[in-house]
């Protein structure tokens, strides 16, 4: 079951450049940075209440984030929903006719299991399910 919006993923060309905006202009504190080799990205997280902002910088020209940046430029990449049962959430989505990008969750940033739904089935919004690893 979905419990909350976990984070908003924002594609940036450079986390180092974007940090100035999030720290100076918005007054947020970076909670941590991490590289996720499976997705060819570097991430940085900022808490805003219970929701996080995840900055995503590509580490390879053929990463999904690099392709997004070429097509759309910097901006909101995805919305992530926290769940306590990612496998059940994926099954429910599939049974309801949603197009899954990942049928099997994989390790994502922040020590979480993640999986995505295709934006063509979710009104143009790339949807992520995430669950804390136990």
N, C-alpha and C. Protein backbone atom coordinates (compact mmCIF):
# COMPACT_ATOMS: atom_id res chain seq x y z
N UNK A 1 0.83 -1.18 0.00
CA UNK A 1 0.00 0.00 0.00
C UNK A 1 0.89 1.26 0.00
N UNK A 2 0.50 2.23 -0.79
CA UNK A 2 1.23 3.49 -0.83
C UNK A 2 0.95 4.25 0.47
N UNK A 3 2.03 4.73 1.09
CA UNK A 3 1.87 5.44 2.36
C UNK A 3 2.10 6.95 2.24
N UNK A 4 2.89 7.36 1.25
CA UNK A 4 3.17 8.79 1.11
C UNK A 4 3.96 9.02 -0.18
N UNK A 5 4.10 10.28 -0.54
CA UNK A 5 5.07 10.63 -1.58
C UNK A 5 6.42 10.60 -0.91
N UNK A 6 7.32 9.78 -1.43
CA UNK A 6 8.65 9.65 -0.85
C UNK A 6 9.56 10.78 -1.33
N UNK A 7 9.61 10.95 -2.66
CA UNK A 7 10.47 12.01 -3.19
C UNK A 7 10.07 12.39 -4.60
N UNK A 8 10.57 13.54 -5.01
CA UNK A 8 10.45 14.02 -6.38
C UNK A 8 11.85 13.98 -6.98
N UNK A 9 12.00 13.31 -8.10
CA UNK A 9 13.29 13.23 -8.77
C UNK A 9 13.42 14.37 -9.76
N UNK A 10 14.53 15.09 -9.69
CA UNK A 10 14.76 16.23 -10.57
C UNK A 10 16.07 16.01 -11.31
N UNK A 11 15.98 15.98 -12.63
CA UNK A 11 17.16 15.79 -13.47
C UNK A 11 17.93 17.10 -13.57
N UNK A 12 19.24 17.02 -13.33
CA UNK A 12 20.12 18.18 -13.45
C UNK A 12 21.37 17.77 -14.23
N UNK A 13 21.98 18.72 -14.86
CA UNK A 13 23.23 18.42 -15.57
C UNK A 13 24.40 18.28 -14.59
N UNK A 14 24.34 19.05 -13.50
CA UNK A 14 25.42 19.04 -12.52
C UNK A 14 24.85 19.25 -11.12
N UNK A 15 25.04 18.27 -10.25
CA UNK A 15 24.60 18.43 -8.86
C UNK A 15 25.36 19.57 -8.20
N UNK A 16 26.65 19.68 -8.47
CA UNK A 16 27.44 20.75 -7.86
C UNK A 16 26.86 22.11 -8.20
N UNK A 17 26.43 22.32 -9.44
CA UNK A 17 25.84 23.60 -9.81
C UNK A 17 24.46 23.79 -9.19
N UNK A 18 23.67 22.73 -9.13
CA UNK A 18 22.31 22.82 -8.59
C UNK A 18 22.30 23.01 -7.07
N UNK A 19 23.34 22.52 -6.39
CA UNK A 19 23.39 22.65 -4.93
C UNK A 19 23.27 24.09 -4.46
N UNK A 20 23.88 25.00 -5.19
CA UNK A 20 23.83 26.41 -4.80
C UNK A 20 22.39 26.91 -4.70
N UNK A 21 21.56 26.54 -5.66
CA UNK A 21 20.16 26.96 -5.64
C UNK A 21 19.43 26.37 -4.43
N UNK A 22 19.54 25.06 -4.26
CA UNK A 22 18.80 24.39 -3.20
C UNK A 22 19.28 24.81 -1.81
N UNK A 23 20.57 25.09 -1.68
CA UNK A 23 21.10 25.48 -0.37
C UNK A 23 20.96 26.98 -0.12
N UNK A 24 21.36 27.80 -1.08
CA UNK A 24 21.37 29.26 -0.87
C UNK A 24 19.98 29.88 -1.04
N UNK A 25 19.33 29.58 -2.13
CA UNK A 25 18.05 30.21 -2.43
C UNK A 25 16.93 29.63 -1.57
N UNK A 26 16.87 28.30 -1.48
CA UNK A 26 15.79 27.66 -0.73
C UNK A 26 16.13 27.41 0.74
N UNK A 27 17.42 27.47 1.08
CA UNK A 27 17.83 27.26 2.46
C UNK A 27 17.75 25.81 2.92
N UNK A 28 17.80 24.87 1.99
CA UNK A 28 17.74 23.45 2.34
C UNK A 28 19.15 22.92 2.60
N UNK A 29 19.23 21.83 3.32
CA UNK A 29 20.49 21.19 3.64
C UNK A 29 20.57 19.85 2.92
N UNK A 30 21.66 19.64 2.22
CA UNK A 30 21.87 18.36 1.54
C UNK A 30 22.08 17.28 2.60
N UNK A 31 21.24 16.25 2.57
CA UNK A 31 21.32 15.17 3.55
C UNK A 31 22.31 14.09 3.16
N UNK A 32 22.70 14.09 1.89
CA UNK A 32 23.64 13.07 1.45
C UNK A 32 23.71 12.97 -0.05
N UNK A 33 24.85 12.47 -0.48
CA UNK A 33 25.08 12.24 -1.91
C UNK A 33 25.47 10.79 -2.09
N UNK A 34 25.14 10.26 -3.25
CA UNK A 34 25.39 8.85 -3.50
C UNK A 34 25.45 8.59 -5.00
N UNK A 35 26.23 7.62 -5.38
CA UNK A 35 26.24 7.18 -6.78
C UNK A 35 25.48 5.86 -6.86
N UNK A 36 24.62 5.74 -7.89
CA UNK A 36 23.85 4.53 -8.12
C UNK A 36 24.29 3.96 -9.47
N UNK A 37 25.29 3.08 -9.45
CA UNK A 37 25.84 2.56 -10.71
C UNK A 37 24.81 1.88 -11.61
N UNK A 38 23.83 1.19 -11.02
CA UNK A 38 22.84 0.48 -11.83
C UNK A 38 22.01 1.43 -12.69
N UNK A 39 21.87 2.68 -12.26
CA UNK A 39 21.11 3.66 -13.03
C UNK A 39 22.00 4.73 -13.66
N UNK A 40 23.30 4.60 -13.47
CA UNK A 40 24.28 5.53 -14.06
C UNK A 40 23.98 6.97 -13.66
N UNK A 41 23.77 7.18 -12.35
CA UNK A 41 23.50 8.52 -11.83
C UNK A 41 24.22 8.76 -10.52
N UNK A 42 24.41 10.04 -10.24
CA UNK A 42 24.77 10.51 -8.91
C UNK A 42 23.52 11.18 -8.37
N UNK A 43 23.31 11.07 -7.05
CA UNK A 43 22.14 11.68 -6.44
C UNK A 43 22.53 12.56 -5.26
N UNK A 44 21.66 13.49 -4.95
CA UNK A 44 21.76 14.30 -3.73
C UNK A 44 20.34 14.47 -3.22
N UNK A 45 20.17 14.34 -1.90
CA UNK A 45 18.84 14.40 -1.30
C UNK A 45 18.70 15.59 -0.36
N UNK A 46 17.51 16.20 -0.40
CA UNK A 46 17.13 17.30 0.48
C UNK A 46 15.76 16.97 1.06
N UNK A 47 15.59 17.14 2.37
CA UNK A 47 14.29 16.93 2.99
C UNK A 47 13.48 18.21 2.97
N UNK A 48 12.21 18.07 2.64
CA UNK A 48 11.25 19.16 2.72
C UNK A 48 10.04 18.56 3.42
N UNK A 49 10.00 18.70 4.73
CA UNK A 49 8.99 17.99 5.51
C UNK A 49 9.24 16.50 5.41
N UNK A 50 8.19 15.75 5.10
CA UNK A 50 8.34 14.30 4.95
C UNK A 50 8.73 13.89 3.53
N UNK A 51 8.75 14.83 2.62
CA UNK A 51 9.08 14.53 1.23
C UNK A 51 10.52 14.94 0.96
N UNK A 52 11.18 14.21 0.09
CA UNK A 52 12.55 14.54 -0.29
C UNK A 52 12.60 15.02 -1.74
N UNK A 53 13.58 15.83 -2.01
CA UNK A 53 13.94 16.21 -3.37
C UNK A 53 15.19 15.41 -3.68
N UNK A 54 15.17 14.69 -4.80
CA UNK A 54 16.33 13.91 -5.24
C UNK A 54 16.88 14.53 -6.52
N UNK A 55 18.06 15.10 -6.46
CA UNK A 55 18.71 15.60 -7.67
C UNK A 55 19.40 14.41 -8.33
N UNK A 56 19.28 14.34 -9.65
CA UNK A 56 19.82 13.23 -10.43
C UNK A 56 20.75 13.76 -11.52
N UNK A 57 22.01 13.41 -11.43
CA UNK A 57 23.02 13.81 -12.43
C UNK A 57 23.50 12.55 -13.15
N UNK A 58 23.48 12.55 -14.48
CA UNK A 58 23.95 11.36 -15.19
C UNK A 58 25.46 11.17 -15.05
N UNK A 59 25.87 9.91 -15.01
CA UNK A 59 27.30 9.59 -14.99
C UNK A 59 27.75 9.00 -16.31
N UNK A 60 26.80 8.84 -17.24
CA UNK A 60 27.09 8.29 -18.56
C UNK A 60 26.16 8.93 -19.58
N UNK A 61 26.65 9.11 -20.79
CA UNK A 61 25.83 9.70 -21.84
C UNK A 61 24.66 8.82 -22.25
N UNK A 62 24.71 7.52 -21.93
CA UNK A 62 23.61 6.64 -22.31
C UNK A 62 22.72 6.27 -21.12
N UNK A 63 22.83 7.02 -20.03
CA UNK A 63 21.96 6.76 -18.87
C UNK A 63 20.56 7.30 -19.15
N UNK A 64 19.55 6.77 -18.46
CA UNK A 64 18.20 7.31 -18.63
C UNK A 64 18.11 8.80 -18.32
N UNK A 65 18.85 9.27 -17.33
CA UNK A 65 18.80 10.70 -16.98
C UNK A 65 19.45 11.54 -18.08
N UNK A 66 20.55 11.08 -18.66
CA UNK A 66 21.19 11.81 -19.76
C UNK A 66 20.23 11.92 -20.94
N UNK A 67 19.54 10.83 -21.25
CA UNK A 67 18.57 10.85 -22.35
C UNK A 67 17.41 11.80 -22.05
N UNK A 68 16.96 11.81 -20.81
CA UNK A 68 15.91 12.73 -20.40
C UNK A 68 16.35 14.17 -20.58
N UNK A 69 17.58 14.48 -20.16
CA UNK A 69 18.09 15.84 -20.26
C UNK A 69 18.19 16.29 -21.72
N UNK A 70 18.62 15.39 -22.60
CA UNK A 70 18.71 15.73 -24.02
C UNK A 70 17.32 16.04 -24.58
N UNK A 71 16.35 15.23 -24.22
CA UNK A 71 14.99 15.38 -24.75
C UNK A 71 14.22 16.54 -24.11
N UNK A 72 14.37 16.71 -22.78
CA UNK A 72 13.52 17.65 -22.04
C UNK A 72 14.24 18.79 -21.35
N UNK A 73 15.55 18.66 -21.17
CA UNK A 73 16.27 19.64 -20.37
C UNK A 73 16.07 19.34 -18.89
N UNK A 74 16.68 20.14 -18.02
CA UNK A 74 16.55 19.91 -16.59
C UNK A 74 15.11 20.08 -16.12
N UNK A 75 14.75 19.34 -15.09
CA UNK A 75 13.41 19.49 -14.54
C UNK A 75 12.93 18.23 -13.86
N UNK A 76 11.66 18.23 -13.50
CA UNK A 76 11.08 17.09 -12.79
C UNK A 76 11.14 15.85 -13.67
N UNK A 77 11.74 14.80 -13.13
CA UNK A 77 11.91 13.54 -13.86
C UNK A 77 10.88 12.50 -13.42
N UNK A 78 10.63 12.38 -12.12
CA UNK A 78 9.68 11.37 -11.63
C UNK A 78 9.14 11.72 -10.25
N UNK A 79 8.05 11.04 -9.92
CA UNK A 79 7.50 11.11 -8.57
C UNK A 79 7.58 9.71 -7.99
N UNK A 80 8.04 9.61 -6.75
CA UNK A 80 8.23 8.31 -6.10
C UNK A 80 7.26 8.18 -4.93
N UNK A 81 6.59 7.06 -4.90
CA UNK A 81 5.65 6.75 -3.83
C UNK A 81 6.24 5.67 -2.93
N UNK A 82 6.21 5.91 -1.63
CA UNK A 82 6.68 4.92 -0.66
C UNK A 82 5.60 3.86 -0.48
N UNK A 83 6.04 2.61 -0.39
CA UNK A 83 5.15 1.49 -0.15
C UNK A 83 5.80 0.53 0.82
N UNK A 84 4.99 -0.20 1.54
CA UNK A 84 5.53 -1.22 2.43
C UNK A 84 5.51 -2.59 1.77
N UNK A 85 5.03 -2.66 0.51
CA UNK A 85 4.97 -3.92 -0.24
C UNK A 85 5.16 -3.64 -1.72
N UNK A 86 6.40 -3.46 -2.13
CA UNK A 86 6.67 -3.08 -3.52
C UNK A 86 6.23 -4.17 -4.50
N UNK A 87 6.38 -5.44 -4.12
CA UNK A 87 5.96 -6.53 -5.01
C UNK A 87 4.44 -6.52 -5.19
N UNK A 88 3.72 -6.31 -4.10
CA UNK A 88 2.26 -6.22 -4.19
C UNK A 88 1.81 -5.00 -4.99
N UNK A 89 2.52 -3.89 -4.82
CA UNK A 89 2.19 -2.67 -5.55
C UNK A 89 2.38 -2.87 -7.05
N UNK A 90 3.47 -3.54 -7.43
CA UNK A 90 3.72 -3.83 -8.84
C UNK A 90 2.67 -4.79 -9.40
N UNK A 91 2.30 -5.80 -8.63
CA UNK A 91 1.27 -6.75 -9.08
C UNK A 91 -0.05 -6.04 -9.29
N UNK A 92 -0.42 -5.18 -8.34
CA UNK A 92 -1.68 -4.44 -8.45
C UNK A 92 -1.66 -3.56 -9.70
N UNK A 93 -0.55 -2.87 -9.92
CA UNK A 93 -0.44 -2.00 -11.09
C UNK A 93 -0.57 -2.80 -12.38
N UNK A 94 0.13 -3.92 -12.45
CA UNK A 94 0.09 -4.76 -13.65
C UNK A 94 -1.31 -5.33 -13.90
N UNK A 95 -1.94 -5.81 -12.82
CA UNK A 95 -3.29 -6.36 -12.94
C UNK A 95 -4.30 -5.30 -13.37
N UNK A 96 -4.00 -4.04 -13.05
CA UNK A 96 -4.89 -2.94 -13.42
C UNK A 96 -4.60 -2.40 -14.81
N UNK A 97 -3.62 -3.00 -15.49
CA UNK A 97 -3.33 -2.61 -16.87
C UNK A 97 -2.18 -1.64 -17.04
N UNK A 98 -1.49 -1.30 -15.96
CA UNK A 98 -0.36 -0.38 -16.08
C UNK A 98 0.81 -1.08 -16.76
N UNK A 99 1.59 -0.29 -17.48
CA UNK A 99 2.78 -0.81 -18.14
C UNK A 99 3.97 -0.64 -17.21
N UNK A 100 4.58 -1.76 -16.83
CA UNK A 100 5.72 -1.73 -15.92
C UNK A 100 7.01 -1.61 -16.72
N UNK A 101 7.90 -0.75 -16.26
CA UNK A 101 9.25 -0.72 -16.82
C UNK A 101 10.07 -1.81 -16.15
N UNK A 102 9.82 -2.02 -14.86
CA UNK A 102 10.53 -3.05 -14.09
C UNK A 102 9.51 -3.94 -13.40
N UNK A 103 9.55 -5.21 -13.69
CA UNK A 103 8.67 -6.15 -12.99
C UNK A 103 9.31 -6.65 -11.71
N UNK A 104 10.62 -6.52 -11.62
CA UNK A 104 11.36 -6.93 -10.43
C UNK A 104 12.07 -5.71 -9.87
N UNK A 105 11.82 -5.38 -8.60
CA UNK A 105 12.50 -4.22 -8.00
C UNK A 105 14.01 -4.42 -7.97
N UNK A 106 14.74 -3.31 -7.96
CA UNK A 106 16.20 -3.34 -7.90
C UNK A 106 16.67 -2.32 -6.88
N UNK A 107 17.96 -2.39 -6.54
CA UNK A 107 18.51 -1.46 -5.56
C UNK A 107 18.62 -0.06 -6.13
N UNK A 108 18.05 0.89 -5.43
CA UNK A 108 18.13 2.28 -5.83
C UNK A 108 18.87 3.08 -4.77
N UNK A 109 18.77 4.37 -4.86
CA UNK A 109 19.44 5.25 -3.89
C UNK A 109 18.75 5.16 -2.53
N UNK A 110 19.47 5.56 -1.52
CA UNK A 110 18.90 5.63 -0.18
C UNK A 110 18.58 4.29 0.44
N UNK A 111 19.27 3.24 0.01
CA UNK A 111 19.08 1.90 0.56
C UNK A 111 17.63 1.43 0.39
N UNK A 112 17.08 1.66 -0.81
CA UNK A 112 15.70 1.29 -1.09
C UNK A 112 15.63 0.37 -2.30
N UNK A 113 14.58 -0.43 -2.34
CA UNK A 113 14.22 -1.18 -3.54
C UNK A 113 13.30 -0.28 -4.34
N UNK A 114 13.49 -0.25 -5.65
CA UNK A 114 12.70 0.64 -6.50
C UNK A 114 12.25 -0.09 -7.77
N UNK A 115 11.19 0.41 -8.37
CA UNK A 115 10.71 -0.06 -9.67
C UNK A 115 9.84 1.05 -10.26
N UNK A 116 9.78 1.10 -11.59
CA UNK A 116 9.11 2.20 -12.27
C UNK A 116 7.96 1.72 -13.15
N UNK A 117 6.95 2.58 -13.26
CA UNK A 117 5.87 2.41 -14.22
C UNK A 117 6.15 3.34 -15.39
N UNK A 118 5.76 2.90 -16.57
CA UNK A 118 6.00 3.71 -17.78
C UNK A 118 5.10 4.95 -17.77
N UNK A 119 5.66 6.11 -18.15
CA UNK A 119 4.85 7.34 -18.13
C UNK A 119 3.67 7.32 -19.11
N UNK A 120 3.70 6.44 -20.11
CA UNK A 120 2.58 6.38 -21.05
C UNK A 120 1.32 5.82 -20.40
N UNK A 121 1.47 5.12 -19.27
CA UNK A 121 0.29 4.59 -18.58
C UNK A 121 -0.10 5.46 -17.38
N UNK A 122 0.70 6.50 -17.11
CA UNK A 122 0.43 7.32 -15.92
C UNK A 122 0.35 8.81 -16.28
N UNK A 123 -0.29 9.08 -17.40
CA UNK A 123 -0.57 10.45 -17.83
C UNK A 123 0.69 11.30 -17.95
N UNK A 124 1.76 10.67 -18.46
CA UNK A 124 2.98 11.40 -18.76
C UNK A 124 3.94 11.56 -17.59
N UNK A 125 3.62 10.98 -16.44
CA UNK A 125 4.47 11.11 -15.26
C UNK A 125 5.17 9.78 -14.99
N UNK A 126 6.49 9.77 -15.04
CA UNK A 126 7.23 8.58 -14.67
C UNK A 126 6.99 8.33 -13.19
N UNK A 127 6.49 7.14 -12.86
CA UNK A 127 6.10 6.80 -11.50
C UNK A 127 7.06 5.76 -10.93
N UNK A 128 7.55 6.03 -9.74
CA UNK A 128 8.43 5.10 -9.05
C UNK A 128 7.74 4.60 -7.79
N UNK A 129 7.88 3.32 -7.51
CA UNK A 129 7.54 2.76 -6.21
C UNK A 129 8.85 2.51 -5.50
N UNK A 130 8.91 2.80 -4.20
CA UNK A 130 10.12 2.53 -3.45
C UNK A 130 9.76 1.98 -2.07
N UNK A 131 10.63 1.09 -1.61
CA UNK A 131 10.44 0.46 -0.31
C UNK A 131 11.79 0.35 0.38
N UNK A 132 11.80 0.71 1.65
CA UNK A 132 13.04 0.57 2.43
C UNK A 132 13.42 -0.90 2.47
N UNK A 133 14.72 -1.18 2.26
CA UNK A 133 15.17 -2.56 2.36
C UNK A 133 15.14 -2.98 3.82
N UNK A 134 14.78 -4.22 4.02
CA UNK A 134 14.67 -4.73 5.40
C UNK A 134 15.88 -5.54 5.77
